[in-house]
Amino acid sequence: MTNELYTAADFTAVNTFTTGAEGPAVDSAGNLYAVNYAHEGTIGIVTPSGDSSIFVELPNGSIGNGIRFNSKGLMMIADYTNHNILQVNMATKEISVYAHNAAMNQPNDIAIDSKDRLYASDPNWKNNSGQIWRVDTNGQILLLEDSMGTTNGIEVSPDGKKLYVNESVQRKVWVYDLSDSGTISNKQLLIEFPDFGMDGMRCDIDGNLYITRHGKGTVAKVSPQGKLLTEITLKGSKPSNIAFGGTDGKTAYITLQDSCNIETFRVEKPGREFKQF
């Protein structure tokens, strides 16, 4: 891997994942996880040295999308086929249903705040619409917003005071004020793109958003004020999501759904979650 900023390189071999490659997340030991390794319904693990294998197989036809780790080191997975948030005990690999709501279309990406509350995007691809849910630490699920566009990438700002949500089909990124109690208000348009879709996104510690541009083969870096700072070109064309890790938190890992692998590039500042947890 090169140390040159914004220079994309393969981290795993092509076709190690399926076309459903998604949801990268890094644990405290620097291991990278992503969904649909080798076949659908798995969570794959890639060690810092690049060795990859199946970590767990999800039960009952569950297929994961977004992954996050909470402050206790538990893996949380958006299971879109069964309308669940799943929880994985990393020591025992025991998988349990953390939250379930049949009113969800298909929980897609998840963000997490400093109090371990989850925020889930919930698109309805057929209708180009979507919702946002909050999942509290007791597993209770609350609808925060409906009647949106195709909600997809979701992230909390480093200070915990903003919630970002993008709409893939509408190509818009929205920002909300996020209260201490987990409510949202003051919805504002942060940035709108003229072409191509968006998928997952993550903040660095300065609050810049790294947004995967599905179909364009880039990651857009956008300031907290909504200015496009740069666009990083990937080798593949269908990036689905991004996470930060490495020894210093300055390595970006991107899942690609056309080459079915993970690419990587270096950035200036660590990811928000790397510092938080």
Protein backbone atom coordinates (compact mmCIF):
# COMPACT_ATOMS: atom_id res chain seq x y z
CA MET A 1 0.00 0.00 0.00
CA THR A 2 1.31 3.44 -0.90
CA ASN A 3 1.54 6.25 1.67
CA GLU A 4 0.78 8.82 -1.00
CA LEU A 5 -2.49 10.58 -0.19
CA TYR A 6 -5.63 9.65 -2.16
CA THR A 7 -3.91 6.97 -4.25
CA ALA A 8 -6.19 3.95 -4.50
CA ALA A 9 -4.83 0.41 -4.35
CA ASP A 10 -6.35 -3.05 -3.91
CA PHE A 11 -6.43 -4.27 -0.31
CA THR A 12 -8.05 -7.63 -1.06
CA ALA A 13 -7.98 -9.62 -4.28
CA VAL A 14 -10.67 -9.03 -6.88
CA ASN A 15 -13.76 -11.24 -6.36
CA THR A 16 -13.05 -12.05 -2.69
CA PHE A 17 -16.49 -10.57 -1.94
CA THR A 18 -19.80 -10.79 -3.81
CA THR A 19 -21.48 -7.94 -5.69
CA GLY A 20 -23.10 -7.21 -2.30
CA ALA A 21 -19.78 -6.05 -0.80
CA GLU A 22 -20.75 -3.45 1.80
CA GLY A 23 -20.48 -2.15 5.33
CA PRO A 24 -16.75 -1.96 6.13
CA ALA A 25 -15.88 -1.43 9.79
CA VAL A 26 -12.64 -1.74 11.75
CA ASP A 27 -12.26 -3.15 15.29
CA SER A 28 -9.84 -1.93 17.98
CA ALA A 29 -7.22 -4.51 16.89
CA GLY A 30 -7.23 -3.13 13.34
CA ASN A 31 -9.12 -5.99 11.73
CA LEU A 32 -11.44 -4.97 8.91
CA TYR A 33 -14.89 -6.52 8.50
CA ALA A 34 -17.32 -6.32 5.58
CA VAL A 35 -20.45 -8.17 4.52
CA ASN A 36 -20.85 -10.86 1.86
CA TYR A 37 -17.36 -12.30 1.81
CA ALA A 38 -17.14 -15.34 -0.54
CA HIS A 39 -20.95 -15.65 -0.60
CA GLU A 40 -24.06 -13.77 0.54
CA GLY A 41 -24.98 -13.79 4.22
CA THR A 42 -21.47 -13.77 5.63
CA ILE A 43 -19.28 -11.29 7.48
CA GLY A 44 -15.71 -11.42 6.26
CA ILE A 45 -12.61 -10.49 8.26
CA VAL A 46 -9.43 -9.06 6.76
CA THR A 47 -6.43 -8.81 9.07
CA PRO A 48 -4.08 -5.78 8.93
CA SER A 49 -1.69 -7.91 6.83
CA GLY A 50 -4.45 -8.62 4.29
CA ASP A 51 -5.35 -12.23 5.15
CA SER A 52 -9.09 -12.74 4.63
CA SER A 53 -11.62 -15.36 5.72
CA ILE A 54 -15.24 -15.79 6.83
CA PHE A 55 -15.74 -14.45 10.37
CA VAL A 56 -19.39 -15.48 10.84
CA GLU A 57 -22.32 -16.78 8.79
CA LEU A 58 -25.54 -14.90 9.54
CA PRO A 59 -28.51 -17.13 10.47
CA ASN A 60 -32.10 -17.31 9.17
CA GLY A 61 -31.45 -15.88 5.72
CA SER A 62 -30.11 -12.60 7.13
CA ILE A 63 -27.94 -10.49 4.85
CA GLY A 64 -25.96 -7.62 6.30
CA ASN A 65 -25.38 -4.15 4.97
CA GLY A 66 -23.87 -1.50 7.28
CA ILE A 67 -21.62 -2.51 10.20
CA ARG A 68 -20.60 -0.45 13.23
CA PHE A 69 -18.82 -1.21 16.49
CA ASN A 70 -20.16 0.23 19.74
CA SER A 71 -18.13 1.38 22.74
CA LYS A 72 -18.25 -2.13 24.24
CA GLY A 73 -16.65 -3.60 21.12
CA LEU A 74 -19.83 -5.35 20.00
CA MET A 75 -20.47 -5.53 16.25
CA MET A 76 -23.81 -4.09 15.13
CA ILE A 77 -25.12 -5.10 11.69
CA ALA A 78 -28.03 -3.76 9.64
CA ASP A 79 -29.79 -6.93 8.45
CA TYR A 80 -31.95 -5.73 5.58
CA THR A 81 -33.69 -8.99 4.68
CA ASN A 82 -35.15 -9.58 8.15
CA HIS A 83 -35.65 -5.93 9.25
CA ASN A 84 -33.18 -6.36 12.12
CA ILE A 85 -30.22 -4.80 13.77
CA LEU A 86 -28.04 -7.77 14.72
CA GLN A 87 -25.40 -7.85 17.46
CA VAL A 88 -22.30 -10.04 17.41
CA ASN A 89 -20.30 -10.93 20.52
CA MET A 90 -16.79 -10.79 19.07
CA ALA A 91 -15.33 -13.24 21.61
CA THR A 92 -17.94 -16.00 21.26
CA LYS A 93 -19.23 -15.07 17.75
CA GLU A 94 -22.76 -15.39 19.17
CA ILE A 95 -25.27 -13.52 16.98
CA SER A 96 -28.45 -12.07 18.51
CA VAL A 97 -31.25 -9.74 17.39
CA TYR A 98 -30.55 -6.37 19.00
CA ALA A 99 -33.64 -4.69 17.51
CA HIS A 100 -36.40 -5.64 15.09
CA ASN A 101 -39.13 -3.64 13.40
CA ALA A 102 -41.30 -5.02 10.61
CA ALA A 103 -42.17 -1.44 9.57
CA MET A 104 -38.63 -0.99 8.27
CA ASN A 105 -38.25 -1.25 4.49
CA GLN A 106 -34.73 -2.62 4.74
CA PRO A 107 -32.27 -1.12 7.24
CA ASN A 108 -29.30 -0.16 5.12
CA ASP A 109 -26.49 1.85 6.65
CA ILE A 110 -26.05 2.66 10.34
CA ALA A 111 -24.29 5.42 12.25
CA ILE A 112 -23.51 5.46 15.95
CA ASP A 113 -23.19 8.30 18.47
CA SER A 114 -21.08 8.59 21.63
CA LYS A 115 -23.95 7.17 23.70
CA ASP A 116 -24.11 4.00 21.56
CA ARG A 117 -27.40 5.03 19.95
CA LEU A 118 -27.71 3.86 16.36
CA TYR A 119 -29.20 5.77 13.45
CA ALA A 120 -30.36 3.69 10.50
CA SER A 121 -31.13 4.72 6.95
CA ASP A 122 -34.05 2.80 5.49
CA PRO A 123 -34.56 3.10 1.72
CA ASN A 124 -37.43 1.84 -0.38
CA TRP A 125 -35.69 1.42 -3.72
CA LYS A 126 -38.89 0.59 -5.58
CA ASN A 127 -40.51 3.90 -4.65
CA ASN A 128 -37.32 6.03 -4.49
CA SER A 129 -38.28 6.93 -0.92
CA GLY A 130 -36.83 6.39 2.53
CA GLN A 131 -36.88 6.86 6.28
CA ILE A 132 -34.51 7.37 9.22
CA TRP A 133 -34.75 5.39 12.47
CA ARG A 134 -33.04 5.71 15.83
CA VAL A 135 -32.24 2.54 17.75
CA ASP A 136 -31.73 3.13 21.47
CA THR A 137 -29.47 1.03 23.68
CA ASN A 138 -32.48 -0.88 25.04
CA GLY A 139 -33.30 -2.00 21.48
CA GLN A 140 -36.26 0.38 21.15
CA ILE A 141 -36.69 1.73 17.62
CA LEU A 142 -38.05 5.22 16.93
CA LEU A 143 -38.95 6.70 13.53
CA LEU A 144 -37.15 10.05 13.19
CA GLU A 145 -38.12 11.00 9.64
CA ASP A 146 -40.23 9.57 6.83
CA SER A 147 -41.27 10.79 3.36
CA MET A 148 -37.65 11.26 2.34
CA GLY A 149 -35.83 10.32 -0.84
CA THR A 150 -33.81 7.10 -1.09
CA THR A 151 -31.95 7.32 2.22
CA ASN A 152 -28.61 5.55 2.21
CA GLY A 153 -25.35 6.82 3.74
CA ILE A 154 -25.67 8.11 7.31
CA GLU A 155 -23.15 9.56 9.76
CA VAL A 156 -22.83 11.55 13.01
CA SER A 157 -20.46 14.53 13.20
CA PRO A 158 -17.38 14.34 15.47
CA ASP A 159 -18.97 16.69 18.06
CA GLY A 160 -22.17 14.62 18.05
CA LYS A 161 -24.29 17.66 17.14
CA LYS A 162 -25.07 16.89 13.49
CA LEU A 163 -26.61 13.94 11.66
CA TYR A 164 -25.84 13.56 7.95
CA VAL A 165 -28.04 11.49 5.63
CA ASN A 166 -27.78 11.15 1.88
CA GLU A 167 -30.39 10.22 -0.72
CA SER A 168 -28.91 8.04 -3.47
CA VAL A 169 -31.43 8.57 -6.26
CA GLN A 170 -32.00 12.28 -5.51
CA ARG A 171 -28.21 12.85 -5.13
CA LYS A 172 -28.68 15.08 -2.06
CA VAL A 173 -26.90 15.14 1.31
CA TRP A 174 -28.93 16.51 4.22
CA VAL A 175 -27.69 17.70 7.60
CA TYR A 176 -29.78 17.88 10.78
CA ASP A 177 -29.13 19.31 14.19
CA LEU A 178 -28.81 16.33 16.55
CA SER A 179 -29.79 16.90 20.19
CA ASP A 180 -28.29 15.27 23.29
CA SER A 181 -31.43 13.16 23.53
CA GLY A 182 -31.10 11.92 19.93
CA THR A 183 -33.80 14.00 18.24
CA ILE A 184 -33.25 15.73 14.90
CA SER A 185 -34.32 19.19 13.71
CA ASN A 186 -33.41 22.05 11.37
CA LYS A 187 -33.00 19.97 8.20
CA GLN A 188 -30.70 21.68 5.69
CA LEU A 189 -29.34 20.72 2.27
CA LEU A 190 -25.57 20.28 2.62
CA ILE A 191 -24.66 19.47 -0.99
CA GLU A 192 -26.32 18.19 -4.15
CA PHE A 193 -24.52 16.36 -6.95
CA PRO A 194 -25.49 16.74 -10.63
CA ASP A 195 -24.88 13.12 -11.58
CA PHE A 196 -24.31 9.58 -10.28
CA GLY A 197 -25.60 8.07 -7.07
CA MET A 198 -24.22 8.04 -3.54
CA ASP A 199 -23.86 5.22 -1.08
CA GLY A 200 -22.09 5.07 2.31
CA MET A 201 -20.21 7.95 3.92
CA ARG A 202 -18.02 8.61 6.97
CA CYS A 203 -16.56 11.64 8.75
CA ASP A 204 -12.96 12.31 9.64
CA ILE A 205 -12.13 13.99 12.97
CA ASP A 206 -12.39 17.44 11.34
CA GLY A 207 -15.95 16.69 10.25
CA ASN A 208 -15.20 16.31 6.55
CA LEU A 209 -17.49 13.76 4.90
CA TYR A 210 -16.08 11.09 2.62
CA ILE A 211 -18.97 10.04 0.34
CA THR A 212 -18.84 7.04 -2.00
CA ARG A 213 -20.07 7.93 -5.51
CA HIS A 214 -21.63 4.70 -6.77
CA GLY A 215 -21.24 4.40 -10.55
CA LYS A 216 -18.71 7.20 -10.76
CA GLY A 217 -15.88 5.30 -9.10
CA THR A 218 -14.89 8.12 -6.76
CA VAL A 219 -15.05 9.19 -3.13
CA ALA A 220 -16.07 12.82 -2.68
CA LYS A 221 -14.52 14.69 0.26
CA VAL A 222 -16.97 17.39 1.40
CA SER A 223 -16.36 19.99 4.12
CA PRO A 224 -18.79 20.48 7.04
CA GLN A 225 -19.93 23.62 5.18
CA GLY A 226 -20.89 21.59 2.12
CA LYS A 227 -17.94 22.46 -0.14
CA LEU A 228 -16.55 19.76 -2.43
CA LEU A 229 -12.86 19.67 -1.42
CA THR A 230 -11.62 16.89 -3.68
CA GLU A 231 -12.77 13.75 -5.44
CA ILE A 232 -10.62 10.64 -5.11
CA THR A 233 -10.58 8.27 -8.09
CA LEU A 234 -10.82 4.55 -7.34
CA LYS A 235 -9.87 1.58 -9.50
CA GLY A 236 -13.43 0.19 -9.44
CA SER A 237 -16.55 2.08 -10.47
CA LYS A 238 -19.14 1.01 -7.88
CA PRO A 239 -17.96 1.94 -4.37
CA SER A 240 -20.60 1.08 -1.78
CA ASN A 241 -19.16 2.18 1.54
CA ILE A 242 -16.12 3.43 3.42
CA ALA A 243 -14.46 3.07 6.83
CA PHE A 244 -11.26 4.33 8.42
CA GLY A 245 -8.58 2.28 10.15
CA GLY A 246 -4.92 1.37 10.02
CA THR A 247 -2.52 2.02 12.89
CA ASP A 248 -3.27 5.78 12.82
CA GLY A 249 -6.86 5.86 11.56
CA LYS A 250 -5.74 7.52 8.33
CA THR A 251 -6.32 4.56 6.02
CA ALA A 252 -9.63 4.52 4.17
CA TYR A 253 -11.12 1.17 3.18
CA ILE A 254 -13.73 1.12 0.42
CA THR A 255 -15.96 -1.79 -0.61
CA LEU A 256 -16.39 -2.14 -4.39
CA GLN A 257 -19.39 -3.92 -5.90
CA ASP A 258 -18.07 -4.25 -9.46
CA SER A 259 -14.63 -5.66 -8.66
CA CYS A 260 -16.05 -7.37 -5.53
CA ASN A 261 -13.13 -6.42 -3.33
CA ILE A 262 -11.82 -3.74 -0.98
CA GLU A 263 -9.61 -0.85 -2.06
CA THR A 264 -7.66 1.48 0.18
CA PHE A 265 -6.09 4.92 0.15
CA ARG A 266 -4.44 7.24 2.69
CA VAL A 267 -5.96 10.48 4.06
CA GLU A 268 -4.70 13.41 6.15
CA LYS A 269 -6.82 13.00 9.28
CA PRO A 270 -8.08 9.95 11.22
CA GLY A 271 -11.68 8.85 10.95
CA ARG A 272 -14.08 10.06 13.61
CA GLU A 273 -14.92 6.58 14.93
CA PHE A 274 -11.24 5.58 15.09
CA LYS A 275 -10.70 8.35 17.62
CA GLN A 276 -14.03 7.88 19.41
CA PHE A 277 -13.70 4.15 20.12
